PDB file of all heavy atoms in Angstrom:
ATOM      1  N   GLN A   1       0.871  -1.217  -0.067  1.00  0.00           N
ATOM      2  CA  GLN A   1       0.007   0.011  -0.004  1.00  0.00           C
ATOM      3  C   GLN A   1       0.860   1.233  -0.011  1.00  0.00           C
ATOM      4  O   GLN A   1       0.408   2.320  -0.457  1.00  0.00           O
ATOM      5  CB  GLN A   1      -0.929   0.056   1.214  1.00  0.00           C
ATOM      6  CG  GLN A   1      -1.921  -1.055   1.211  1.00  0.00           C
ATOM      7  CD  GLN A   1      -2.786  -1.035   2.424  1.00  0.00           C
ATOM      8  OE1 GLN A   1      -2.292  -0.898   3.554  1.00  0.00           O
ATOM      9  NE2 GLN A   1      -4.093  -1.321   2.257  1.00  0.00           N
ATOM     10  N   MET A   2       2.098   1.094   0.454  1.00  0.00           N
ATOM     11  CA  MET A   2       2.995   2.266   0.497  1.00  0.00           C
ATOM     12  C   MET A   2       3.696   2.537  -0.759  1.00  0.00           C
ATOM     13  O   MET A   2       4.337   3.551  -0.995  1.00  0.00           O
ATOM     14  CB  MET A   2       4.017   2.127   1.642  1.00  0.00           C
ATOM     15  CG  MET A   2       3.360   2.097   3.009  1.00  0.00           C
ATOM     16  SD  MET A   2       4.617   2.132   4.353  1.00  0.00           S
ATOM     17  CE  MET A   2       4.979   0.423   4.507  1.00  0.00           C
ATOM     18  N   GLU A   3       3.654   1.509  -1.716  1.00  0.00           N
ATOM     19  CA  GLU A   3       4.494   1.656  -2.957  1.00  0.00           C
ATOM     20  C   GLU A   3       3.478   1.576  -4.082  1.00  0.00           C
ATOM     21  O   GLU A   3       2.322   1.147  -3.971  1.00  0.00           O
ATOM     22  CB  GLU A   3       5.430   0.496  -3.065  1.00  0.00           C
ATOM     23  CG  GLU A   3       6.454   0.442  -1.950  1.00  0.00           C
ATOM     24  CD  GLU A   3       7.289  -0.811  -2.005  1.00  0.00           C
ATOM     25  OE1 GLU A   3       6.959  -1.713  -2.891  1.00  0.00           O
ATOM     26  OE2 GLU A   3       8.236  -0.988  -1.283  1.00  0.00           O
ATOM     27  N   ARG A   4       3.954   1.980  -5.277  1.00  0.00           N
ATOM     28  CA  ARG A   4       3.130   1.897  -6.454  1.00  0.00           C
ATOM     29  C   ARG A   4       3.046   0.415  -6.826  1.00  0.00           C
ATOM     30  O   ARG A   4       4.027  -0.282  -6.749  1.00  0.00           O
ATOM     31  CB  ARG A   4       3.754   2.761  -7.628  1.00  0.00           C
ATOM     32  CG  ARG A   4       3.635   4.197  -7.360  1.00  0.00           C
ATOM     33  CD  ARG A   4       4.211   4.943  -8.514  1.00  0.00           C
ATOM     34  NE  ARG A   4       3.904   4.335  -9.782  1.00  0.00           N
ATOM     35  CZ  ARG A   4       4.604   4.439 -10.892  1.00  0.00           C
ATOM     36  NH1 ARG A   4       5.729   5.193 -10.859  1.00  0.00           N
ATOM     37  NH2 ARG A   4       4.207   3.865 -11.961  1.00  0.00           N
ATOM     38  N   GLU A   5       1.916   0.069  -7.395  1.00  0.00           N
ATOM     39  CA  GLU A   5       1.702  -1.371  -7.719  1.00  0.00           C
ATOM     40  C   GLU A   5       2.721  -1.866  -8.770  1.00  0.00           C
ATOM     41  O   GLU A   5       3.144  -3.034  -8.695  1.00  0.00           O
ATOM     42  CB  GLU A   5       0.234  -1.604  -8.251  1.00  0.00           C
ATOM     43  CG  GLU A   5      -0.190  -2.931  -8.468  1.00  0.00           C
ATOM     44  CD  GLU A   5      -0.262  -3.757  -7.130  1.00  0.00           C
ATOM     45  OE1 GLU A   5      -0.558  -3.180  -6.160  1.00  0.00           O
ATOM     46  OE2 GLU A   5       0.093  -4.957  -7.234  1.00  0.00           O
ATOM     47  N   ASP A   6       3.099  -1.027  -9.705  1.00  0.00           N
ATOM     48  CA  ASP A   6       4.011  -1.450 -10.786  1.00  0.00           C
ATOM     49  C   ASP A   6       5.451  -1.442 -10.395  1.00  0.00           C
ATOM     50  O   ASP A   6       6.365  -1.724 -11.230  1.00  0.00           O
ATOM     51  CB  ASP A   6       3.754  -0.740 -12.085  1.00  0.00           C
ATOM     52  CG  ASP A   6       3.971   0.766 -11.935  1.00  0.00           C
ATOM     53  OD1 ASP A   6       4.217   1.243 -10.766  1.00  0.00           O
ATOM     54  OD2 ASP A   6       3.893   1.508 -12.908  1.00  0.00           O
ATOM     55  N   ALA A   7       5.717  -1.128  -9.167  1.00  0.00           N
ATOM     56  CA  ALA A   7       7.165  -1.030  -8.701  1.00  0.00           C
ATOM     57  C   ALA A   7       7.824  -2.429  -8.578  1.00  0.00           C
ATOM     58  O   ALA A   7       8.990  -2.594  -8.533  1.00  0.00           O
ATOM     59  CB  ALA A   7       7.246  -0.280  -7.429  1.00  0.00           C
ATOM     60  N   THR A   8       6.929  -3.490  -8.474  1.00  0.00           N
ATOM     61  CA  THR A   8       7.477  -4.835  -8.253  1.00  0.00           C
ATOM     62  C   THR A   8       7.467  -5.538  -9.604  1.00  0.00           C
ATOM     63  O   THR A   8       6.474  -5.612 -10.324  1.00  0.00           O
ATOM     64  CB  THR A   8       6.647  -5.618  -7.270  1.00  0.00           C
ATOM     65  OG1 THR A   8       6.572  -4.927  -6.087  1.00  0.00           O
ATOM     66  CG2 THR A   8       7.127  -6.987  -7.060  1.00  0.00           C
ATOM     67  N   GLU A   9       8.632  -6.049  -9.972  1.00  0.00           N
ATOM     68  CA  GLU A   9       8.713  -6.837 -11.234  1.00  0.00           C
ATOM     69  C   GLU A   9       8.815  -8.277 -10.910  1.00  0.00           C
ATOM     70  O   GLU A   9       9.648  -8.748 -10.072  1.00  0.00           O
ATOM     71  CB  GLU A   9       9.995  -6.371 -11.944  1.00  0.00           C
ATOM     72  CG  GLU A   9      10.116  -7.023 -13.280  1.00  0.00           C
ATOM     73  CD  GLU A   9      11.352  -6.524 -14.031  1.00  0.00           C
ATOM     74  OE1 GLU A   9      11.709  -5.353 -13.888  1.00  0.00           O
ATOM     75  OE2 GLU A   9      11.987  -7.302 -14.732  1.00  0.00           O
ATOM     76  N   MET A  10       7.937  -9.094 -11.503  1.00  0.00           N
ATOM     77  CA  MET A  10       7.919 -10.537 -11.305  1.00  0.00           C
ATOM     78  C   MET A  10       8.815 -11.190 -12.274  1.00  0.00           C
ATOM     79  O   MET A  10       8.877 -10.844 -13.452  1.00  0.00           O
ATOM     80  CB  MET A  10       6.526 -11.076 -11.493  1.00  0.00           C
ATOM     81  CG  MET A  10       5.457 -10.458 -10.604  1.00  0.00           C
ATOM     82  SD  MET A  10       5.777 -10.964  -8.873  1.00  0.00           S
ATOM     83  CE  MET A  10       4.381 -10.263  -8.109  1.00  0.00           C
ATOM     84  N   ILE A  11       9.580 -12.199 -11.804  1.00  0.00           N
ATOM     85  CA  ILE A  11      10.431 -12.917 -12.699  1.00  0.00           C
ATOM     86  C   ILE A  11      10.066 -14.430 -12.544  1.00  0.00           C
ATOM     87  O   ILE A  11       9.691 -14.889 -11.494  1.00  0.00           O
ATOM     88  CB  ILE A  11      11.905 -12.692 -12.432  1.00  0.00           C
ATOM     89  CG1 ILE A  11      12.233 -13.096 -10.961  1.00  0.00           C
ATOM     90  CG2 ILE A  11      12.338 -11.313 -12.689  1.00  0.00           C
ATOM     91  CD1 ILE A  11      13.735 -13.200 -10.666  1.00  0.00           C
ATOM     92  N   ALA A  12      10.226 -15.125 -13.640  1.00  0.00           N
ATOM     93  CA  ALA A  12       9.932 -16.632 -13.620  1.00  0.00           C
ATOM     94  C   ALA A  12      11.277 -17.254 -13.324  1.00  0.00           C
ATOM     95  O   ALA A  12      12.295 -16.998 -13.924  1.00  0.00           O
ATOM     96  CB  ALA A  12       9.442 -17.064 -14.928  1.00  0.00           C
ATOM     97  N   LEU A  13      11.238 -18.153 -12.299  1.00  0.00           N
ATOM     98  CA  LEU A  13      12.419 -18.942 -11.958  1.00  0.00           C
ATOM     99  C   LEU A  13      12.498 -20.231 -12.773  1.00  0.00           C
ATOM    100  O   LEU A  13      11.448 -20.912 -12.962  1.00  0.00           O
ATOM    101  CB  LEU A  13      12.402 -19.261 -10.462  1.00  0.00           C
ATOM    102  CG  LEU A  13      12.415 -18.063  -9.544  1.00  0.00           C
ATOM    103  CD1 LEU A  13      12.252 -18.519  -8.098  1.00  0.00           C
ATOM    104  CD2 LEU A  13      13.679 -17.339  -9.697  1.00  0.00           C
ATOM    105  N   PRO A  14      13.615 -20.664 -13.229  1.00  0.00           N
ATOM    106  CA  PRO A  14      13.731 -21.866 -14.015  1.00  0.00           C
ATOM    107  C   PRO A  14      13.385 -23.077 -13.143  1.00  0.00           C
ATOM    108  O   PRO A  14      13.769 -23.085 -11.973  1.00  0.00           O
ATOM    109  CB  PRO A  14      15.172 -21.882 -14.495  1.00  0.00           C
ATOM    110  CG  PRO A  14      15.930 -21.002 -13.555  1.00  0.00           C
ATOM    111  CD  PRO A  14      14.918 -19.959 -13.031  1.00  0.00           C
ATOM    112  N   ALA A  15      12.687 -24.060 -13.666  1.00  0.00           N
ATOM    113  CA  ALA A  15      12.447 -25.235 -12.927  1.00  0.00           C
ATOM    114  C   ALA A  15      13.649 -26.119 -12.741  1.00  0.00           C
ATOM    115  O   ALA A  15      14.523 -26.130 -13.573  1.00  0.00           O
ATOM    116  CB  ALA A  15      11.350 -26.090 -13.679  1.00  0.00           C
ATOM    117  N   VAL A  16      13.726 -26.783 -11.585  1.00  0.00           N
ATOM    118  CA  VAL A  16      14.856 -27.655 -11.299  1.00  0.00           C
ATOM    119  C   VAL A  16      14.589 -28.930 -12.191  1.00  0.00           C
ATOM    120  O   VAL A  16      13.579 -29.649 -12.041  1.00  0.00           O
ATOM    121  CB  VAL A  16      14.940 -28.040  -9.825  1.00  0.00           C
ATOM    122  CG1 VAL A  16      16.039 -29.067  -9.654  1.00  0.00           C
ATOM    123  CG2 VAL A  16      15.197 -26.789  -9.057  1.00  0.00           C
ATOM    124  N   GLU A  17      15.482 -29.199 -13.101  1.00  0.00           N
ATOM    125  CA  GLU A  17      15.258 -30.360 -14.017  1.00  0.00           C
ATOM    126  C   GLU A  17      15.832 -31.680 -13.518  1.00  0.00           C
ATOM    127  O   GLU A  17      15.312 -32.743 -13.803  1.00  0.00           O
ATOM    128  CB  GLU A  17      15.867 -30.018 -15.383  1.00  0.00           C
ATOM    129  CG  GLU A  17      15.144 -28.884 -16.048  1.00  0.00           C
ATOM    130  CD  GLU A  17      15.714 -28.527 -17.431  1.00  0.00           C
ATOM    131  OE1 GLU A  17      16.461 -29.305 -17.891  1.00  0.00           O
ATOM    132  OE2 GLU A  17      15.371 -27.475 -17.936  1.00  0.00           O
ATOM    133  N   GLN A  18      16.881 -31.579 -12.678  1.00  0.00           N
ATOM    134  CA  GLN A  18      17.535 -32.840 -12.340  1.00  0.00           C
ATOM    135  C   GLN A  18      17.486 -33.009 -10.847  1.00  0.00           C
ATOM    136  O   GLN A  18      17.800 -32.082 -10.101  1.00  0.00           O
ATOM    137  CB  GLN A  18      19.075 -32.798 -12.811  1.00  0.00           C
ATOM    138  CG  GLN A  18      19.752 -34.121 -12.659  1.00  0.00           C
ATOM    139  CD  GLN A  18      21.162 -34.039 -13.280  1.00  0.00           C
ATOM    140  OE1 GLN A  18      21.754 -33.045 -13.315  1.00  0.00           O
ATOM    141  NE2 GLN A  18      21.564 -35.175 -13.809  1.00  0.00           N
ATOM    142  N   LYS A  19      17.077 -34.147 -10.438  1.00  0.00           N
ATOM    143  CA  LYS A  19      16.985 -34.472  -8.993  1.00  0.00           C
ATOM    144  C   LYS A  19      18.407 -34.793  -8.489  1.00  0.00           C
ATOM    145  O   LYS A  19      19.170 -35.496  -9.146  1.00  0.00           O
ATOM    146  CB  LYS A  19      16.081 -35.636  -8.744  1.00  0.00           C
ATOM    147  CG  LYS A  19      14.685 -35.398  -9.079  1.00  0.00           C
ATOM    148  CD  LYS A  19      13.868 -36.699  -8.796  1.00  0.00           C
ATOM    149  CE  LYS A  19      12.398 -36.521  -9.252  1.00  0.00           C
ATOM    150  NZ  LYS A  19      11.633 -37.698  -9.016  1.00  0.00           N
ATOM    151  N   PRO A  20      18.736 -34.281  -7.278  1.00  0.00           N
ATOM    152  CA  PRO A  20      20.024 -34.609  -6.709  1.00  0.00           C
ATOM    153  C   PRO A  20      20.045 -36.160  -6.337  1.00  0.00           C
ATOM    154  O   PRO A  20      19.001 -36.735  -5.958  1.00  0.00           O
ATOM    155  CB  PRO A  20      20.164 -33.753  -5.471  1.00  0.00           C
ATOM    156  CG  PRO A  20      18.740 -33.464  -5.089  1.00  0.00           C
ATOM    157  CD  PRO A  20      18.014 -33.409  -6.412  1.00  0.00           C
ATOM    158  N   LEU A  21      21.255 -36.741  -6.402  1.00  0.00           N
ATOM    159  CA  LEU A  21      21.383 -38.123  -6.049  1.00  0.00           C
ATOM    160  C   LEU A  21      21.697 -38.259  -4.572  1.00  0.00           C
ATOM    161  O   LEU A  21      22.716 -37.723  -4.133  1.00  0.00           O
ATOM    162  CB  LEU A  21      22.507 -38.751  -6.925  1.00  0.00           C
ATOM    163  CG  LEU A  21      22.713 -40.237  -6.758  1.00  0.00           C
ATOM    164  CD1 LEU A  21      21.453 -40.967  -7.237  1.00  0.00           C
ATOM    165  CD2 LEU A  21      23.909 -40.704  -7.617  1.00  0.00           C
ATOM    166  N   LEU A  22      20.785 -38.915  -3.874  1.00  0.00           N
ATOM    167  CA  LEU A  22      21.011 -39.131  -2.384  1.00  0.00           C
ATOM    168  C   LEU A  22      21.329 -40.613  -2.123  1.00  0.00           C
ATOM    169  O   LEU A  22      20.705 -41.502  -2.820  1.00  0.00           O
ATOM    170  CB  LEU A  22      19.731 -38.697  -1.652  1.00  0.00           C
ATOM    171  CG  LEU A  22      19.286 -37.314  -1.677  1.00  0.00           C
ATOM    172  CD1 LEU A  22      18.020 -37.144  -0.893  1.00  0.00           C
ATOM    173  CD2 LEU A  22      20.421 -36.354  -1.148  1.00  0.00           C
ATOM    174  N   SER A  23      22.253 -40.851  -1.250  1.00  0.00           N
ATOM    175  CA  SER A  23      22.508 -42.258  -0.879  1.00  0.00           C
ATOM    176  C   SER A  23      21.315 -42.806  -0.106  1.00  0.00           C
ATOM    177  O   SER A  23      20.451 -41.995   0.345  1.00  0.00           O
ATOM    178  CB  SER A  23      23.755 -42.225   0.016  1.00  0.00           C
ATOM    179  OG  SER A  23      23.436 -41.739   1.275  1.00  0.00           O
ATOM    180  N   PRO A  24      21.217 -44.142   0.035  1.00  0.00           N
ATOM    181  CA  PRO A  24      20.057 -44.652   0.810  1.00  0.00           C
ATOM    182  C   PRO A  24      20.031 -44.093   2.218  1.00  0.00           C
ATOM    183  O   PRO A  24      18.897 -43.850   2.756  1.00  0.00           O
ATOM    184  CB  PRO A  24      20.396 -46.162   0.805  1.00  0.00           C
ATOM    185  CG  PRO A  24      21.183 -46.412  -0.462  1.00  0.00           C
ATOM    186  CD  PRO A  24      22.021 -45.154  -0.602  1.00  0.00           C
ATOM    187  N   ARG A  25      21.180 -43.916   2.858  1.00  0.00           N
ATOM    188  CA  ARG A  25      21.165 -43.412   4.256  1.00  0.00           C
ATOM    189  C   ARG A  25      20.706 -41.920   4.267  1.00  0.00           C
ATOM    190  O   ARG A  25      19.944 -41.456   5.124  1.00  0.00           O
ATOM    191  CB  ARG A  25      22.643 -43.462   4.795  1.00  0.00           C
ATOM    192  CG  ARG A  25      22.701 -42.974   6.201  1.00  0.00           C
ATOM    193  CD  ARG A  25      21.846 -43.724   7.222  1.00  0.00           C
ATOM    194  NE  ARG A  25      22.693 -44.767   7.779  1.00  0.00           N
ATOM    195  CZ  ARG A  25      22.236 -45.684   8.670  1.00  0.00           C
ATOM    196  NH1 ARG A  25      20.974 -45.654   9.015  1.00  0.00           N
ATOM    197  NH2 ARG A  25      23.051 -46.580   9.110  1.00  0.00           N
ATOM    198  N   GLN A  26      21.132 -41.148   3.216  1.00  0.00           N
ATOM    199  CA  GLN A  26      20.708 -39.748   3.152  1.00  0.00           C
ATOM    200  C   GLN A  26      19.192 -39.680   2.894  1.00  0.00           C
ATOM    201  O   GLN A  26      18.535 -38.848   3.492  1.00  0.00           O
ATOM    202  CB  GLN A  26      21.444 -39.013   2.083  1.00  0.00           C
ATOM    203  CG  GLN A  26      22.922 -38.763   2.375  1.00  0.00           C
ATOM    204  CD  GLN A  26      23.719 -38.337   1.152  1.00  0.00           C
ATOM    205  OE1 GLN A  26      23.257 -38.504  -0.009  1.00  0.00           O
ATOM    206  NE2 GLN A  26      24.949 -37.884   1.424  1.00  0.00           N
ATOM    207  N   GLN A  27      18.717 -40.583   2.073  1.00  0.00           N
ATOM    208  CA  GLN A  27      17.198 -40.602   1.830  1.00  0.00           C
ATOM    209  C   GLN A  27      16.497 -40.959   3.114  1.00  0.00           C
ATOM    210  O   GLN A  27      15.430 -40.404   3.359  1.00  0.00           O
ATOM    211  CB  GLN A  27      16.965 -41.685   0.725  1.00  0.00           C
ATOM    212  CG  GLN A  27      15.524 -41.691   0.325  1.00  0.00           C
ATOM    213  CD  GLN A  27      15.103 -40.433  -0.573  1.00  0.00           C
ATOM    214  OE1 GLN A  27      15.895 -39.985  -1.377  1.00  0.00           O
ATOM    215  NE2 GLN A  27      13.917 -39.905  -0.263  1.00  0.00           N
ATOM    216  N   GLU A  28      17.094 -41.872   3.893  1.00  0.00           N
ATOM    217  CA  GLU A  28      16.442 -42.272   5.229  1.00  0.00           C
ATOM    218  C   GLU A  28      16.429 -41.116   6.166  1.00  0.00           C
ATOM    219  O   GLU A  28      15.403 -40.856   6.741  1.00  0.00           O
ATOM    220  CB  GLU A  28      17.263 -43.450   5.771  1.00  0.00           C
ATOM    221  CG  GLU A  28      16.578 -44.235   6.810  1.00  0.00           C
ATOM    222  CD  GLU A  28      17.451 -45.472   7.267  1.00  0.00           C
ATOM    223  OE1 GLU A  28      18.650 -45.566   6.891  1.00  0.00           O
ATOM    224  OE2 GLU A  28      16.879 -46.239   7.975  1.00  0.00           O
ATOM    225  N   VAL A  29      17.538 -40.415   6.234  1.00  0.00           N
ATOM    226  CA  VAL A  29      17.605 -39.181   7.116  1.00  0.00           C
ATOM    227  C   VAL A  29      16.578 -38.146   6.718  1.00  0.00           C
ATOM    228  O   VAL A  29      15.947 -37.591   7.474  1.00  0.00           O
ATOM    229  CB  VAL A  29      19.063 -38.632   7.173  1.00  0.00           C
ATOM    230  CG1 VAL A  29      19.068 -37.290   7.808  1.00  0.00           C
ATOM    231  CG2 VAL A  29      19.970 -39.614   7.895  1.00  0.00           C
ATOM    232  N   LEU A  30      16.491 -37.931   5.334  1.00  0.00           N
ATOM    233  CA  LEU A  30      15.583 -36.968   4.793  1.00  0.00           C
ATOM    234  C   LEU A  30      14.118 -37.335   5.154  1.00  0.00           C
ATOM    235  O   LEU A  30      13.331 -36.509   5.529  1.00  0.00           O
ATOM    236  CB  LEU A  30      15.748 -36.895   3.321  1.00  0.00           C
ATOM    237  CG  LEU A  30      14.855 -35.860   2.577  1.00  0.00           C
ATOM    238  CD1 LEU A  30      15.139 -34.511   3.083  1.00  0.00           C
ATOM    239  CD2 LEU A  30      15.111 -35.944   1.092  1.00  0.00           C
ATOM    240  N   SER A  31      13.755 -38.645   5.118  1.00  0.00           N
ATOM    241  CA  SER A  31      12.420 -39.056   5.502  1.00  0.00           C
ATOM    242  C   SER A  31      12.162 -38.815   7.013  1.00  0.00           C
ATOM    243  O   SER A  31      11.039 -38.383   7.378  1.00  0.00           O
ATOM    244  CB  SER A  31      12.176 -40.548   5.127  1.00  0.00           C
ATOM    245  OG  SER A  31      12.968 -41.334   5.933  1.00  0.00           O
ATOM    246  N   PHE A  32      13.214 -38.945   7.839  1.00  0.00           N
ATOM    247  CA  PHE A  32      13.005 -38.667   9.234  1.00  0.00           C
ATOM    248  C   PHE A  32      12.884 -37.155   9.468  1.00  0.00           C
ATOM    249  O   PHE A  32      12.129 -36.719  10.387  1.00  0.00           O
ATOM    250  CB  PHE A  32      14.225 -39.216  10.074  1.00  0.00           C
ATOM    251  CG  PHE A  32      14.256 -40.663  10.225  1.00  0.00           C
ATOM    252  CD1 PHE A  32      15.509 -41.313  10.118  1.00  0.00           C
ATOM    253  CD2 PHE A  32      13.154 -41.447  10.376  1.00  0.00           C
ATOM    254  CE1 PHE A  32      15.531 -42.700  10.232  1.00  0.00           C
ATOM    255  CE2 PHE A  32      13.182 -42.763  10.512  1.00  0.00           C
ATOM    256  CZ  PHE A  32      14.415 -43.499  10.404  1.00  0.00           C
ATOM    257  N   LEU A  33      13.561 -36.334   8.674  1.00  0.00           N
ATOM    258  CA  LEU A  33      13.394 -34.902   8.713  1.00  0.00           C
ATOM    259  C   LEU A  33      11.940 -34.505   8.379  1.00  0.00           C
ATOM    260  O   LEU A  33      11.410 -33.603   9.022  1.00  0.00           O
ATOM    261  CB  LEU A  33      14.367 -34.164   7.799  1.00  0.00           C
ATOM    262  CG  LEU A  33      15.921 -34.298   8.165  1.00  0.00           C
ATOM    263  CD1 LEU A  33      16.739 -33.518   7.157  1.00  0.00           C
ATOM    264  CD2 LEU A  33      16.187 -33.739   9.559  1.00  0.00           C
ATOM    265  N   GLN A  34      11.458 -35.176   7.396  1.00  0.00           N
ATOM    266  CA  GLN A  34      10.063 -34.867   6.901  1.00  0.00           C
ATOM    267  C   GLN A  34       9.019 -35.214   8.044  1.00  0.00           C
ATOM    268  O   GLN A  34       8.067 -34.528   8.225  1.00  0.00           O
ATOM    269  CB  GLN A  34       9.690 -35.677   5.669  1.00  0.00           C
ATOM    270  CG  GLN A  34       8.336 -35.388   5.147  1.00  0.00           C
ATOM    271  CD  GLN A  34       7.828 -36.296   4.137  1.00  0.00           C
ATOM    272  OE1 GLN A  34       8.329 -37.461   3.993  1.00  0.00           O
ATOM    273  NE2 GLN A  34       6.903 -35.914   3.315  1.00  0.00           N
ATOM    274  N   GLU A  35       9.350 -36.263   8.826  1.00  0.00           N
ATOM    275  CA  GLU A  35       8.439 -36.611   9.916  1.00  0.00           C
ATOM    276  C   GLU A  35       8.611 -35.631  11.148  1.00  0.00           C
ATOM    277  O   GLU A  35       7.878 -35.757  12.138  1.00  0.00           O
ATOM    278  CB  GLU A  35       8.809 -38.093  10.409  1.00  0.00           C
ATOM    279  CG  GLU A  35       8.483 -39.134   9.407  1.00  0.00           C
ATOM    280  CD  GLU A  35       8.942 -40.481   9.862  1.00  0.00           C
ATOM    281  OE1 GLU A  35       9.078 -40.688  11.022  1.00  0.00           O
ATOM    282  OE2 GLU A  35       9.110 -41.370   8.932  1.00  0.00           O
ATOM    283  N   GLY A  36       9.672 -34.797  11.108  1.00  0.00           N
ATOM    284  CA  GLY A  36       9.851 -33.812  12.153  1.00  0.00           C
ATOM    285  C   GLY A  36      10.640 -34.377  13.384  1.00  0.00           C
ATOM    286  O   GLY A  36      10.640 -33.828  14.455  1.00  0.00           O
ATOM    287  N   LEU A  37      11.364 -35.443  13.165  1.00  0.00           N
ATOM    288  CA  LEU A  37      12.213 -36.053  14.166  1.00  0.00           C
ATOM    289  C   LEU A  37      13.392 -35.173  14.512  1.00  0.00           C
ATOM    290  O   LEU A  37      13.966 -34.560  13.629  1.00  0.00           O
ATOM    291  CB  LEU A  37      12.631 -37.471  13.868  1.00  0.00           C
ATOM    292  CG  LEU A  37      11.575 -38.507  13.620  1.00  0.00           C
ATOM    293  CD1 LEU A  37      12.265 -39.897  13.368  1.00  0.00           C
ATOM    294  CD2 LEU A  37      10.587 -38.619  14.838  1.00  0.00           C
ATOM    295  N   THR A  38      13.851 -35.175  15.853  1.00  0.00           N
ATOM    296  CA  THR A  38      15.016 -34.424  16.228  1.00  0.00           C
ATOM    297  C   THR A  38      16.224 -35.217  15.999  1.00  0.00           C
ATOM    298  O   THR A  38      16.155 -36.459  15.743  1.00  0.00           O
ATOM    299  CB  THR A  38      14.946 -34.061  17.731  1.00  0.00           C
ATOM    300  OG1 THR A  38      14.925 -35.324  18.467  1.00  0.00           O
ATOM    301  CG2 THR A  38      13.657 -33.227  18.068  1.00  0.00           C
ATOM    302  N   ASN A  39      17.385 -34.621  16.062  1.00  0.00           N
ATOM    303  CA  ASN A  39      18.670 -35.406  15.848  1.00  0.00           C
ATOM    304  C   ASN A  39      18.797 -36.580  16.817  1.00  0.00           C
ATOM    305  O   ASN A  39      19.196 -37.667  16.462  1.00  0.00           O
ATOM    306  CB  ASN A  39      19.868 -34.486  15.980  1.00  0.00           C
ATOM    307  CG  ASN A  39      20.042 -33.623  14.732  1.00  0.00           C
ATOM    308  OD1 ASN A  39      19.337 -33.762  13.728  1.00  0.00           O
ATOM    309  ND2 ASN A  39      21.003 -32.725  14.697  1.00  0.00           N
TER     310      ASN A  39
END
């Protein structure tokens, strides 16, 4: 509300095309992070 509406320029971000390769242990840790478990 304090700025003019056209003062913000939107840019499109490129999509991530390649998934990073995670080891089975890293994938396991990532799933525990998703569950919200602590260290």
